[in-house]
Each structure stands twice: as structure tokens, then as C-alpha cells.
PDB file of all heavy atoms in Angstrom:
ATOM      1  N   LEU A   1      14.389   9.005   5.328  1.00  0.00           N
ATOM      2  CA  LEU A   1      13.046   9.060   4.753  1.00  0.00           C
ATOM      3  C   LEU A   1      13.044  10.050   3.604  1.00  0.00           C
ATOM      4  O   LEU A   1      13.637  11.127   3.701  1.00  0.00           O
ATOM      5  CB  LEU A   1      12.016   9.490   5.801  1.00  0.00           C
ATOM      6  CG  LEU A   1      11.704   8.535   6.955  1.00  0.00           C
ATOM      7  CD1 LEU A   1      10.588   9.109   7.805  1.00  0.00           C
ATOM      8  CD2 LEU A   1      11.328   7.167   6.434  1.00  0.00           C
ATOM      9  N   GLY A   2      12.399   9.687   2.515  1.00  0.00           N
ATOM     10  CA  GLY A   2      12.273  10.575   1.374  1.00  0.00           C
ATOM     11  C   GLY A   2      10.868  11.132   1.287  1.00  0.00           C
ATOM     12  O   GLY A   2       9.913  10.377   1.093  1.00  0.00           O
ATOM     13  N   ILE A   3      10.705  12.437   1.454  1.00  0.00           N
ATOM     14  CA  ILE A   3       9.382  13.056   1.484  1.00  0.00           C
ATOM     15  C   ILE A   3       9.071  13.643   0.109  1.00  0.00           C
ATOM     16  O   ILE A   3       9.714  14.603  -0.326  1.00  0.00           O
ATOM     17  CB  ILE A   3       9.313  14.156   2.550  1.00  0.00           C
ATOM     18  CG1 ILE A   3       9.649  13.558   3.924  1.00  0.00           C
ATOM     19  CG2 ILE A   3       7.940  14.809   2.569  1.00  0.00           C
ATOM     20  CD1 ILE A   3       9.681  14.573   5.044  1.00  0.00           C
ATOM     21  N   PRO A   4       8.083  13.094  -0.614  1.00  0.00           N
ATOM     22  CA  PRO A   4       7.704  13.665  -1.911  1.00  0.00           C
ATOM     23  C   PRO A   4       6.914  14.960  -1.722  1.00  0.00           C
ATOM     24  O   PRO A   4       6.405  15.257  -0.635  1.00  0.00           O
ATOM     25  CB  PRO A   4       6.824  12.566  -2.539  1.00  0.00           C
ATOM     26  CG  PRO A   4       6.947  11.364  -1.638  1.00  0.00           C
ATOM     27  CD  PRO A   4       7.319  11.883  -0.289  1.00  0.00           C
ATOM     28  N   THR A   5       6.779  15.719  -2.793  1.00  0.00           N
ATOM     29  CA  THR A   5       5.913  16.894  -2.770  1.00  0.00           C
ATOM     30  C   THR A   5       4.457  16.450  -2.651  1.00  0.00           C
ATOM     31  O   THR A   5       4.116  15.276  -2.857  1.00  0.00           O
ATOM     32  CB  THR A   5       6.082  17.727  -4.036  1.00  0.00           C
ATOM     33  OG1 THR A   5       5.637  16.948  -5.162  1.00  0.00           O
ATOM     34  CG2 THR A   5       7.534  18.137  -4.245  1.00  0.00           C
ATOM     35  N   VAL A   6       3.584  17.400  -2.326  1.00  0.00           N
ATOM     36  CA  VAL A   6       2.159  17.076  -2.206  1.00  0.00           C
ATOM     37  C   VAL A   6       1.624  16.540  -3.533  1.00  0.00           C
ATOM     38  O   VAL A   6       0.889  15.543  -3.573  1.00  0.00           O
ATOM     39  CB  VAL A   6       1.360  18.310  -1.757  1.00  0.00           C
ATOM     40  CG1 VAL A   6      -0.137  18.017  -1.755  1.00  0.00           C
ATOM     41  CG2 VAL A   6       1.813  18.766  -0.374  1.00  0.00           C
ATOM     42  N   ALA A   7       1.991  17.181  -4.643  1.00  0.00           N
ATOM     43  CA  ALA A   7       1.514  16.729  -5.953  1.00  0.00           C
ATOM     44  C   ALA A   7       1.979  15.300  -6.248  1.00  0.00           C
ATOM     45  O   ALA A   7       1.214  14.480  -6.764  1.00  0.00           O
ATOM     46  CB  ALA A   7       2.006  17.677  -7.043  1.00  0.00           C
ATOM     47  N   ASP A   8       3.224  14.993  -5.898  1.00  0.00           N
ATOM     48  CA  ASP A   8       3.735  13.641  -6.137  1.00  0.00           C
ATOM     49  C   ASP A   8       3.057  12.623  -5.229  1.00  0.00           C
ATOM     50  O   ASP A   8       2.849  11.470  -5.623  1.00  0.00           O
ATOM     51  CB  ASP A   8       5.248  13.609  -5.944  1.00  0.00           C
ATOM     52  CG  ASP A   8       5.990  14.386  -7.014  1.00  0.00           C
ATOM     53  OD1 ASP A   8       5.445  14.508  -8.123  1.00  0.00           O
ATOM     54  OD2 ASP A   8       7.103  14.882  -6.741  1.00  0.00           O
ATOM     55  N   ARG A   9       2.683  13.055  -4.022  1.00  0.00           N
ATOM     56  CA  ARG A   9       1.948  12.141  -3.142  1.00  0.00           C
ATOM     57  C   ARG A   9       0.564  11.847  -3.708  1.00  0.00           C
ATOM     58  O   ARG A   9       0.070  10.717  -3.604  1.00  0.00           O
ATOM     59  CB  ARG A   9       1.847  12.727  -1.729  1.00  0.00           C
ATOM     60  CG  ARG A   9       3.193  12.898  -1.040  1.00  0.00           C
ATOM     61  CD  ARG A   9       3.083  12.837   0.466  1.00  0.00           C
ATOM     62  NE  ARG A   9       2.372  13.940   1.071  1.00  0.00           N
ATOM     63  CZ  ARG A   9       2.941  15.085   1.471  1.00  0.00           C
ATOM     64  NH1 ARG A   9       4.246  15.275   1.286  1.00  0.00           N
ATOM     65  NH2 ARG A   9       2.236  16.022   2.052  1.00  0.00           N
ATOM     66  N   VAL A  10      -0.070  12.842  -4.304  1.00  0.00           N
ATOM     67  CA  VAL A  10      -1.370  12.612  -4.940  1.00  0.00           C
ATOM     68  C   VAL A  10      -1.225  11.632  -6.108  1.00  0.00           C
ATOM     69  O   VAL A  10      -2.009  10.696  -6.262  1.00  0.00           O
ATOM     70  CB  VAL A  10      -1.984  13.942  -5.420  1.00  0.00           C
ATOM     71  CG1 VAL A  10      -3.275  13.691  -6.213  1.00  0.00           C
ATOM     72  CG2 VAL A  10      -2.269  14.859  -4.230  1.00  0.00           C
ATOM     73  N   ALA A  11      -0.195  11.828  -6.929  1.00  0.00           N
ATOM     74  CA  ALA A  11       0.030  10.935  -8.072  1.00  0.00           C
ATOM     75  C   ALA A  11       0.299   9.507  -7.604  1.00  0.00           C
ATOM     76  O   ALA A  11      -0.244   8.537  -8.162  1.00  0.00           O
ATOM     77  CB  ALA A  11       1.201  11.459  -8.905  1.00  0.00           C
ATOM     78  N   GLN A  12       1.138   9.345  -6.577  1.00  0.00           N
ATOM     79  CA  GLN A  12       1.440   8.007  -6.072  1.00  0.00           C
ATOM     80  C   GLN A  12       0.203   7.360  -5.452  1.00  0.00           C
ATOM     81  O   GLN A  12      -0.008   6.145  -5.590  1.00  0.00           O
ATOM     82  CB  GLN A  12       2.575   8.074  -5.055  1.00  0.00           C
ATOM     83  CG  GLN A  12       3.916   8.432  -5.664  1.00  0.00           C
ATOM     84  CD  GLN A  12       5.062   8.307  -4.666  1.00  0.00           C
ATOM     85  OE1 GLN A  12       4.945   7.630  -3.655  1.00  0.00           O
ATOM     86  NE2 GLN A  12       6.162   8.981  -4.959  1.00  0.00           N
ATOM     87  N   THR A  13      -0.613   8.149  -4.781  1.00  0.00           N
ATOM     88  CA  THR A  13      -1.837   7.612  -4.194  1.00  0.00           C
ATOM     89  C   THR A  13      -2.788   7.119  -5.278  1.00  0.00           C
ATOM     90  O   THR A  13      -3.455   6.083  -5.114  1.00  0.00           O
ATOM     91  CB  THR A  13      -2.529   8.671  -3.321  1.00  0.00           C
ATOM     92  OG1 THR A  13      -1.619   9.091  -2.293  1.00  0.00           O
ATOM     93  CG2 THR A  13      -3.782   8.117  -2.674  1.00  0.00           C
ATOM     94  N   ALA A  14      -2.851   7.824  -6.396  1.00  0.00           N
ATOM     95  CA  ALA A  14      -3.701   7.387  -7.505  1.00  0.00           C
ATOM     96  C   ALA A  14      -3.272   6.011  -8.004  1.00  0.00           C
ATOM     97  O   ALA A  14      -4.103   5.124  -8.242  1.00  0.00           O
ATOM     98  CB  ALA A  14      -3.656   8.415  -8.635  1.00  0.00           C
ATOM     99  N   VAL A  15      -1.967   5.814  -8.157  1.00  0.00           N
ATOM    100  CA  VAL A  15      -1.466   4.512  -8.604  1.00  0.00           C
ATOM    101  C   VAL A  15      -1.727   3.447  -7.545  1.00  0.00           C
ATOM    102  O   VAL A  15      -2.136   2.319  -7.865  1.00  0.00           O
ATOM    103  CB  VAL A  15       0.039   4.612  -8.930  1.00  0.00           C
ATOM    104  CG1 VAL A  15       0.644   3.225  -9.130  1.00  0.00           C
ATOM    105  CG2 VAL A  15       0.246   5.461 -10.177  1.00  0.00           C
ATOM    106  N   LYS A  16      -1.534   3.797  -6.294  1.00  0.00           N
ATOM    107  CA  LYS A  16      -1.780   2.829  -5.223  1.00  0.00           C
ATOM    108  C   LYS A  16      -3.240   2.393  -5.204  1.00  0.00           C
ATOM    109  O   LYS A  16      -3.549   1.205  -5.012  1.00  0.00           O
ATOM    110  CB  LYS A  16      -1.392   3.441  -3.876  1.00  0.00           C
ATOM    111  CG  LYS A  16      -1.588   2.493  -2.701  1.00  0.00           C
ATOM    112  CD  LYS A  16      -1.270   3.161  -1.381  1.00  0.00           C
ATOM    113  CE  LYS A  16      -1.564   2.227  -0.214  1.00  0.00           C
ATOM    114  NZ  LYS A  16      -1.348   2.888   1.097  1.00  0.00           N
ATOM    115  N   LYS A  17      -4.154   3.328  -5.417  1.00  0.00           N
ATOM    116  CA  LYS A  17      -5.575   2.983  -5.423  1.00  0.00           C
ATOM    117  C   LYS A  17      -5.911   2.011  -6.546  1.00  0.00           C
ATOM    118  O   LYS A  17      -6.773   1.130  -6.391  1.00  0.00           O
ATOM    119  CB  LYS A  17      -6.431   4.258  -5.542  1.00  0.00           C
ATOM    120  CG  LYS A  17      -6.519   5.068  -4.264  1.00  0.00           C
ATOM    121  CD  LYS A  17      -7.397   6.277  -4.446  1.00  0.00           C
ATOM    122  CE  LYS A  17      -7.596   7.020  -3.127  1.00  0.00           C
ATOM    123  NZ  LYS A  17      -8.363   6.227  -2.140  1.00  0.00           N
ATOM    124  N   VAL A  18      -5.248   2.131  -7.671  1.00  0.00           N
ATOM    125  CA  VAL A  18      -5.495   1.213  -8.785  1.00  0.00           C
ATOM    126  C   VAL A  18      -4.925  -0.168  -8.489  1.00  0.00           C
ATOM    127  O   VAL A  18      -5.542  -1.198  -8.790  1.00  0.00           O
ATOM    128  CB  VAL A  18      -4.893   1.777 -10.084  1.00  0.00           C
ATOM    129  CG1 VAL A  18      -5.025   0.764 -11.225  1.00  0.00           C
ATOM    130  CG2 VAL A  18      -5.586   3.086 -10.473  1.00  0.00           C
ATOM    131  N   LEU A  19      -3.753  -0.213  -7.861  1.00  0.00           N
ATOM    132  CA  LEU A  19      -3.020  -1.481  -7.729  1.00  0.00           C
ATOM    133  C   LEU A  19      -3.303  -2.255  -6.455  1.00  0.00           C
ATOM    134  O   LEU A  19      -3.110  -3.477  -6.425  1.00  0.00           O
ATOM    135  CB  LEU A  19      -1.514  -1.210  -7.805  1.00  0.00           C
ATOM    136  CG  LEU A  19      -0.953  -0.684  -9.123  1.00  0.00           C
ATOM    137  CD1 LEU A  19       0.560  -0.597  -9.030  1.00  0.00           C
ATOM    138  CD2 LEU A  19      -1.366  -1.575 -10.281  1.00  0.00           C
ATOM    139  N   GLU A  20      -3.733  -1.587  -5.388  1.00  0.00           N
ATOM    140  CA  GLU A  20      -3.733  -2.237  -4.079  1.00  0.00           C
ATOM    141  C   GLU A  20      -4.600  -3.499  -4.047  1.00  0.00           C
ATOM    142  O   GLU A  20      -4.145  -4.566  -3.588  1.00  0.00           O
ATOM    143  CB  GLU A  20      -4.201  -1.263  -3.000  1.00  0.00           C
ATOM    144  CG  GLU A  20      -4.002  -1.798  -1.599  1.00  0.00           C
ATOM    145  CD  GLU A  20      -4.139  -0.708  -0.557  1.00  0.00           C
ATOM    146  OE1 GLU A  20      -5.215  -0.076  -0.490  1.00  0.00           O
ATOM    147  OE2 GLU A  20      -3.170  -0.489   0.198  1.00  0.00           O
ATOM    148  N   ALA A  21      -5.833  -3.416  -4.522  1.00  0.00           N
ATOM    149  CA  ALA A  21      -6.707  -4.595  -4.494  1.00  0.00           C
ATOM    150  C   ALA A  21      -6.136  -5.717  -5.361  1.00  0.00           C
ATOM    151  O   ALA A  21      -6.231  -6.897  -5.009  1.00  0.00           O
ATOM    152  CB  ALA A  21      -8.108  -4.214  -4.960  1.00  0.00           C
ATOM    153  N   ARG A  22      -5.532  -5.360  -6.464  1.00  0.00           N
ATOM    154  CA  ARG A  22      -4.935  -6.355  -7.360  1.00  0.00           C
ATOM    155  C   ARG A  22      -3.786  -7.071  -6.662  1.00  0.00           C
ATOM    156  O   ARG A  22      -3.652  -8.295  -6.756  1.00  0.00           O
ATOM    157  CB  ARG A  22      -4.440  -5.652  -8.622  1.00  0.00           C
ATOM    158  CG  ARG A  22      -3.991  -6.563  -9.740  1.00  0.00           C
ATOM    159  CD  ARG A  22      -3.442  -5.729 -10.896  1.00  0.00           C
ATOM    160  NE  ARG A  22      -4.377  -4.694 -11.335  1.00  0.00           N
ATOM    161  CZ  ARG A  22      -4.079  -3.752 -12.209  1.00  0.00           C
ATOM    162  NH1 ARG A  22      -2.856  -3.697 -12.738  1.00  0.00           N
ATOM    163  NH2 ARG A  22      -4.971  -2.848 -12.562  1.00  0.00           N
ATOM    164  N   MET A  23      -2.947  -6.330  -5.972  1.00  0.00           N
ATOM    165  CA  MET A  23      -1.819  -6.933  -5.280  1.00  0.00           C
ATOM    166  C   MET A  23      -2.264  -7.728  -4.060  1.00  0.00           C
ATOM    167  O   MET A  23      -1.647  -8.739  -3.714  1.00  0.00           O
ATOM    168  CB  MET A  23      -0.811  -5.854  -4.871  1.00  0.00           C
ATOM    169  CG  MET A  23      -0.172  -5.131  -6.043  1.00  0.00           C
ATOM    170  SD  MET A  23       0.620  -6.268  -7.209  1.00  0.00           S
ATOM    171  CE  MET A  23       1.073  -5.148  -8.527  1.00  0.00           C
ATOM    172  N   GLU A  24      -3.329  -7.297  -3.407  1.00  0.00           N
ATOM    173  CA  GLU A  24      -3.827  -8.033  -2.251  1.00  0.00           C
ATOM    174  C   GLU A  24      -4.230  -9.453  -2.627  1.00  0.00           C
ATOM    175  O   GLU A  24      -4.061 -10.387  -1.855  1.00  0.00           O
ATOM    176  CB  GLU A  24      -5.016  -7.296  -1.622  1.00  0.00           C
ATOM    177  CG  GLU A  24      -4.625  -6.162  -0.707  1.00  0.00           C
ATOM    178  CD  GLU A  24      -3.789  -6.641   0.457  1.00  0.00           C
ATOM    179  OE1 GLU A  24      -4.241  -7.513   1.215  1.00  0.00           O
ATOM    180  OE2 GLU A  24      -2.659  -6.138   0.617  1.00  0.00           O
ATOM    181  N   ALA A  25      -4.773  -9.619  -3.818  1.00  0.00           N
ATOM    182  CA  ALA A  25      -5.147 -10.959  -4.269  1.00  0.00           C
ATOM    183  C   ALA A  25      -3.926 -11.835  -4.522  1.00  0.00           C
ATOM    184  O   ALA A  25      -4.022 -13.065  -4.508  1.00  0.00           O
ATOM    185  CB  ALA A  25      -5.986 -10.854  -5.546  1.00  0.00           C
ATOM    186  N   LEU A  26      -2.771 -11.204  -4.723  1.00  0.00           N
ATOM    187  CA  LEU A  26      -1.531 -11.930  -5.004  1.00  0.00           C
ATOM    188  C   LEU A  26      -0.763 -12.268  -3.740  1.00  0.00           C
ATOM    189  O   LEU A  26      -0.205 -13.365  -3.624  1.00  0.00           O
ATOM    190  CB  LEU A  26      -0.651 -11.076  -5.931  1.00  0.00           C
ATOM    191  CG  LEU A  26       0.793 -11.520  -6.159  1.00  0.00           C
ATOM    192  CD1 LEU A  26       0.824 -12.784  -7.031  1.00  0.00           C
ATOM    193  CD2 LEU A  26       1.593 -10.394  -6.820  1.00  0.00           C
ATOM    194  N   PHE A  27      -0.742 -11.356  -2.771  1.00  0.00           N
ATOM    195  CA  PHE A  27       0.164 -11.465  -1.644  1.00  0.00           C
ATOM    196  C   PHE A  27      -0.174 -12.638  -0.726  1.00  0.00           C
ATOM    197  O   PHE A  27      -1.329 -13.050  -0.600  1.00  0.00           O
ATOM    198  CB  PHE A  27       0.173 -10.168  -0.840  1.00  0.00           C
ATOM    199  CG  PHE A  27       0.839  -9.010  -1.533  1.00  0.00           C
ATOM    200  CD1 PHE A  27       0.547  -7.701  -1.169  1.00  0.00           C
ATOM    201  CD2 PHE A  27       1.759  -9.223  -2.547  1.00  0.00           C
ATOM    202  CE1 PHE A  27       1.162  -6.628  -1.795  1.00  0.00           C
ATOM    203  CE2 PHE A  27       2.382  -8.160  -3.186  1.00  0.00           C
ATOM    204  CZ  PHE A  27       2.079  -6.861  -2.807  1.00  0.00           C
ATOM    205  N   CYS A  28       0.861 -13.114  -0.051  1.00  0.00           N
ATOM    206  CA  CYS A  28       0.767 -14.236   0.889  1.00  0.00           C
ATOM    207  C   CYS A  28       0.038 -13.800   2.167  1.00  0.00           C
ATOM    208  O   CYS A  28       0.204 -12.666   2.622  1.00  0.00           O
ATOM    209  CB  CYS A  28       2.176 -14.725   1.203  1.00  0.00           C
ATOM    210  SG  CYS A  28       2.294 -15.853   2.586  1.00  0.00           S
ATOM    211  N   PRO A  29      -0.757 -14.691   2.776  1.00  0.00           N
ATOM    212  CA  PRO A  29      -1.459 -14.307   4.017  1.00  0.00           C
ATOM    213  C   PRO A  29      -0.539 -14.074   5.194  1.00  0.00           C
ATOM    214  O   PRO A  29      -0.946 -13.479   6.192  1.00  0.00           O
ATOM    215  CB  PRO A  29      -2.392 -15.500   4.274  1.00  0.00           C
ATOM    216  CG  PRO A  29      -1.802 -16.636   3.523  1.00  0.00           C
ATOM    217  CD  PRO A  29      -1.139 -16.040   2.317  1.00  0.00           C
ATOM    218  N   TRP A  30       0.730 -14.527   5.119  1.00  0.00           N
ATOM    219  CA  TRP A  30       1.648 -14.354   6.246  1.00  0.00           C
ATOM    220  C   TRP A  30       2.529 -13.122   6.089  1.00  0.00           C
ATOM    221  O   TRP A  30       3.491 -12.953   6.822  1.00  0.00           O
ATOM    222  CB  TRP A  30       2.501 -15.610   6.415  1.00  0.00           C
ATOM    223  CG  TRP A  30       1.702 -16.873   6.342  1.00  0.00           C
ATOM    224  CD1 TRP A  30       1.960 -17.961   5.573  1.00  0.00           C
ATOM    225  CD2 TRP A  30       0.498 -17.180   7.049  1.00  0.00           C
ATOM    226  NE1 TRP A  30       0.997 -18.924   5.742  1.00  0.00           N
ATOM    227  CE2 TRP A  30       0.090 -18.465   6.660  1.00  0.00           C
ATOM    228  CE3 TRP A  30      -0.282 -16.495   7.985  1.00  0.00           C
ATOM    229  CZ2 TRP A  30      -1.060 -19.075   7.161  1.00  0.00           C
ATOM    230  CZ3 TRP A  30      -1.432 -17.094   8.477  1.00  0.00           C
ATOM    231  CH2 TRP A  30      -1.798 -18.368   8.078  1.00  0.00           C
ATOM    232  N   SER A  31       2.179 -12.270   5.137  1.00  0.00           N
ATOM    233  CA  SER A  31       2.810 -10.962   4.993  1.00  0.00           C
ATOM    234  C   SER A  31       1.877  -9.929   5.627  1.00  0.00           C
ATOM    235  O   SER A  31       0.722  -9.802   5.219  1.00  0.00           O
ATOM    236  CB  SER A  31       3.045 -10.643   3.511  1.00  0.00           C
ATOM    237  OG  SER A  31       3.306  -9.276   3.316  1.00  0.00           O
ATOM    238  N   TYR A  32       2.357  -9.186   6.612  1.00  0.00           N
ATOM    239  CA  TYR A  32       1.484  -8.341   7.424  1.00  0.00           C
ATOM    240  C   TYR A  32       1.739  -6.848   7.275  1.00  0.00           C
ATOM    241  O   TYR A  32       0.928  -6.044   7.732  1.00  0.00           O
ATOM    242  CB  TYR A  32       1.643  -8.710   8.906  1.00  0.00           C
ATOM    243  CG  TYR A  32       1.160 -10.099   9.242  1.00  0.00           C
ATOM    244  CD1 TYR A  32       2.027 -11.191   9.207  1.00  0.00           C
ATOM    245  CD2 TYR A  32      -0.160 -10.332   9.601  1.00  0.00           C
ATOM    246  CE1 TYR A  32       1.592 -12.468   9.525  1.00  0.00           C
ATOM    247  CE2 TYR A  32      -0.607 -11.604   9.922  1.00  0.00           C
ATOM    248  CZ  TYR A  32       0.272 -12.668   9.873  1.00  0.00           C
ATOM    249  OH  TYR A  32      -0.167 -13.935  10.183  1.00  0.00           O
ATOM    250  N   GLY A  33       2.836  -6.447   6.673  1.00  0.00           N
ATOM    251  CA  GLY A  33       3.210  -5.042   6.681  1.00  0.00           C
ATOM    252  C   GLY A  33       2.515  -4.211   5.620  1.00  0.00           C
ATOM    253  O   GLY A  33       2.474  -4.598   4.456  1.00  0.00           O
ATOM    254  N   TYR A  34       1.979  -3.059   6.028  1.00  0.00           N
ATOM    255  CA  TYR A  34       1.435  -2.058   5.109  1.00  0.00           C
ATOM    256  C   TYR A  34       0.343  -2.647   4.212  1.00  0.00           C
ATOM    257  O   TYR A  34       0.291  -2.366   3.015  1.00  0.00           O
ATOM    258  CB  TYR A  34       2.551  -1.457   4.252  1.00  0.00           C
ATOM    259  CG  TYR A  34       3.731  -0.990   5.043  1.00  0.00           C
ATOM    260  CD1 TYR A  34       4.965  -1.625   4.940  1.00  0.00           C
ATOM    261  CD2 TYR A  34       3.625   0.084   5.925  1.00  0.00           C
ATOM    262  CE1 TYR A  34       6.061  -1.214   5.685  1.00  0.00           C
ATOM    263  CE2 TYR A  34       4.707   0.507   6.668  1.00  0.00           C
ATOM    264  CZ  TYR A  34       5.918  -0.144   6.544  1.00  0.00           C
ATOM    265  OH  TYR A  34       7.001   0.272   7.283  1.00  0.00           O
ATOM    266  N   ARG A  35      -0.524  -3.451   4.802  1.00  0.00           N
ATOM    267  CA  ARG A  35      -1.605  -4.054   4.037  1.00  0.00           C
ATOM    268  C   ARG A  35      -2.929  -3.797   4.739  1.00  0.00           C
ATOM    269  O   ARG A  35      -2.999  -3.836   5.976  1.00  0.00           O
ATOM    270  CB  ARG A  35      -1.382  -5.563   3.882  1.00  0.00           C
ATOM    271  CG  ARG A  35      -0.152  -5.915   3.072  1.00  0.00           C
ATOM    272  CD  ARG A  35       0.017  -7.420   2.971  1.00  0.00           C
ATOM    273  NE  ARG A  35      -1.140  -8.047   2.342  1.00  0.00           N
ATOM    274  CZ  ARG A  35      -1.326  -9.362   2.264  1.00  0.00           C
ATOM    275  NH1 ARG A  35      -0.433 -10.185   2.796  1.00  0.00           N
ATOM    276  NH2 ARG A  35      -2.398  -9.845   1.673  1.00  0.00           N
ATOM    277  N   PRO A  36      -3.992  -3.533   3.984  1.00  0.00           N
ATOM    278  CA  PRO A  36      -5.293  -3.291   4.621  1.00  0.00           C
ATOM    279  C   PRO A  36      -5.768  -4.524   5.383  1.00  0.00           C
ATOM    280  O   PRO A  36      -5.686  -5.646   4.892  1.00  0.00           O
ATOM    281  CB  PRO A  36      -6.211  -2.975   3.424  1.00  0.00           C
ATOM    282  CG  PRO A  36      -5.518  -3.523   2.227  1.00  0.00           C
ATOM    283  CD  PRO A  36      -4.054  -3.436   2.518  1.00  0.00           C
ATOM    284  N   GLY A  37      -6.257  -4.312   6.603  1.00  0.00           N
ATOM    285  CA  GLY A  37      -6.769  -5.403   7.408  1.00  0.00           C
ATOM    286  C   GLY A  37      -5.713  -6.212   8.121  1.00  0.00           C
ATOM    287  O   GLY A  37      -6.043  -7.193   8.801  1.00  0.00           O
ATOM    288  N   LYS A  38      -4.432  -5.846   7.985  1.00  0.00           N
ATOM    289  CA  LYS A  38      -3.351  -6.565   8.662  1.00  0.00           C
ATOM    290  C   LYS A  38      -2.514  -5.571   9.467  1.00  0.00           C
ATOM    291  O   LYS A  38      -2.432  -4.392   9.116  1.00  0.00           O
ATOM    292  CB  LYS A  38      -2.476  -7.310   7.655  1.00  0.00           C
ATOM    293  CG  LYS A  38      -3.190  -8.498   6.989  1.00  0.00           C
ATOM    294  CD  LYS A  38      -2.263  -9.252   6.071  1.00  0.00           C
ATOM    295  CE  LYS A  38      -2.931 -10.481   5.480  1.00  0.00           C
ATOM    296  NZ  LYS A  38      -3.181 -11.535   6.498  1.00  0.00           N
ATOM    297  N   ASN A  39      -1.897  -6.063  10.542  1.00  0.00           N
ATOM    298  CA  ASN A  39      -1.101  -5.180  11.384  1.00  0.00           C
ATOM    299  C   ASN A  39       0.001  -5.951  12.086  1.00  0.00           C
ATOM    300  O   ASN A  39       0.090  -7.185  11.995  1.00  0.00           O
ATOM    301  CB  ASN A  39      -1.999  -4.461  12.401  1.00  0.00           C
ATOM    302  CG  ASN A  39      -2.770  -5.427  13.285  1.00  0.00           C
ATOM    303  OD1 ASN A  39      -2.193  -6.341  13.879  1.00  0.00           O
ATOM    304  ND2 ASN A  39      -4.080  -5.233  13.389  1.00  0.00           N
ATOM    305  N   ALA A  40       0.841  -5.209  12.794  1.00  0.00           N
ATOM    306  CA  ALA A  40       2.001  -5.804  13.452  1.00  0.00           C
ATOM    307  C   ALA A  40       1.594  -6.748  14.575  1.00  0.00           C
ATOM    308  O   ALA A  40       2.248  -7.781  14.793  1.00  0.00           O
ATOM    309  CB  ALA A  40       2.910  -4.696  13.996  1.00  0.00           C
ATOM    310  N   GLN A  41       0.543  -6.434  15.305  1.00  0.00           N
ATOM    311  CA  GLN A  41       0.116  -7.307  16.392  1.00  0.00           C
ATOM    312  C   GLN A  41      -0.306  -8.681  15.879  1.00  0.00           C
ATOM    313  O   GLN A  41      -0.068  -9.697  16.544  1.00  0.00           O
ATOM    314  CB  GLN A  41      -1.021  -6.659  17.176  1.00  0.00           C
ATOM    315  CG  GLN A  41      -0.565  -5.533  18.090  1.00  0.00           C
ATOM    316  CD  GLN A  41      -1.692  -4.962  18.920  1.00  0.00           C
ATOM    317  OE1 GLN A  41      -2.857  -5.055  18.552  1.00  0.00           O
ATOM    318  NE2 GLN A  41      -1.354  -4.361  20.042  1.00  0.00           N
ATOM    319  N   GLN A  42      -0.905  -8.735  14.704  1.00  0.00           N
ATOM    320  CA  GLN A  42      -1.256 -10.033  14.123  1.00  0.00           C
ATOM    321  C   GLN A  42      -0.001 -10.839  13.809  1.00  0.00           C
ATOM    322  O   GLN A  42       0.033 -12.060  14.022  1.00  0.00           O
ATOM    323  CB  GLN A  42      -2.081  -9.830  12.851  1.00  0.00           C
ATOM    324  CG  GLN A  42      -3.456  -9.235  13.090  1.00  0.00           C
ATOM    325  CD  GLN A  42      -4.151  -8.863  11.797  1.00  0.00           C
ATOM    326  OE1 GLN A  42      -3.554  -8.871  10.715  1.00  0.00           O
ATOM    327  NE2 GLN A  42      -5.429  -8.523  11.888  1.00  0.00           N
TER     328      GLN A  42
END
């Protein structure tokens, strides 16, 4: 596991917040990992 610094985690979170909804519209419904509203049990 690669642990970024706190500042780098903030920067990465900023990018994730911009991209996540955009990528959700692209991704396949049968992909379940690390996505809002989806989980391993599904």
C-alpha cells in the first residue's frame, strides 16, 4: 500500500470530487468496486 501525505490526499480528493460523477455516467452497471451506491454484496 502506498500512503500519500495528508496534503496529497487533499489534492487527490479534490480531483476525485470533480471526476467521480462524470465517470459514474460512463461506467458499466456490473462494475461494483469503489463506486458510490455499489458494494461487494451486490
